[in-house]
C-alpha atoms as a PDB file:
ATOM      1  CA  MET A   1     -34.319 124.901  78.483  1.00  0.00           C
ATOM      2  CA  CYS A   2     -37.014 122.526  78.396  1.00  0.00           C
ATOM      3  CA  TYR A   3     -37.635 119.833  81.100  1.00  0.00           C
ATOM      4  CA  THR A   4     -40.202 117.941  78.947  1.00  0.00           C
ATOM      5  CA  GLY A   5     -39.533 114.377  77.706  1.00  0.00           C
ATOM      6  CA  CYS A   6     -36.325 113.367  75.644  1.00  0.00           C
ATOM      7  CA  CYS A   7     -35.710 117.173  75.858  1.00  0.00           C
ATOM      8  CA  PHE A   8     -34.980 116.672  79.864  1.00  0.00           C
ATOM      9  CA  TRP A   9     -32.936 113.591  79.439  1.00  0.00           C
ATOM     10  CA  ARG A  10     -30.804 115.817  76.758  1.00  0.00           C
ATOM     11  CA  GLU A  11     -30.270 118.850  78.973  1.00  0.00           C
ATOM     12  CA  VAL A  12     -29.076 116.255  81.915  1.00  0.00           C
ATOM     13  CA  LEU A  13     -26.802 114.606  79.469  1.00  0.00           C
ATOM     14  CA  VAL A  14     -25.493 118.216  78.578  1.00  0.00           C
ATOM     15  CA  ARG A  15     -24.878 119.067  81.960  1.00  0.00           C
ATOM     16  CA  LEU A  16     -23.401 115.939  82.878  1.00  0.00           C
ATOM     17  CA  LEU A  17     -20.823 116.271  80.113  1.00  0.00           C
ATOM     18  CA  VAL A  18     -19.863 119.646  80.656  1.00  0.00           C
ATOM     19  CA  CYS A  19     -19.327 118.786  84.921  1.00  0.00           C
ATOM     20  CA  LEU A  20     -17.394 116.195  84.110  1.00  0.00           C
ATOM     21  CA  GLU A  21     -14.961 118.316  81.429  1.00  0.00           C
ATOM     22  CA  GLU A  22     -14.926 120.856  84.270  1.00  0.00           C
ATOM     23  CA  SER A  23     -13.491 118.198  86.846  1.00  0.00           C
ATOM     24  CA  ILE A  24     -10.728 116.876  84.402  1.00  0.00           C
END
């Protein structure tokens, strides 16, 4: 995992998508 620059936001978006899929 990387938490710098655009890669950070990419990780955040992926985590949010996974969370949404699990909640559905």
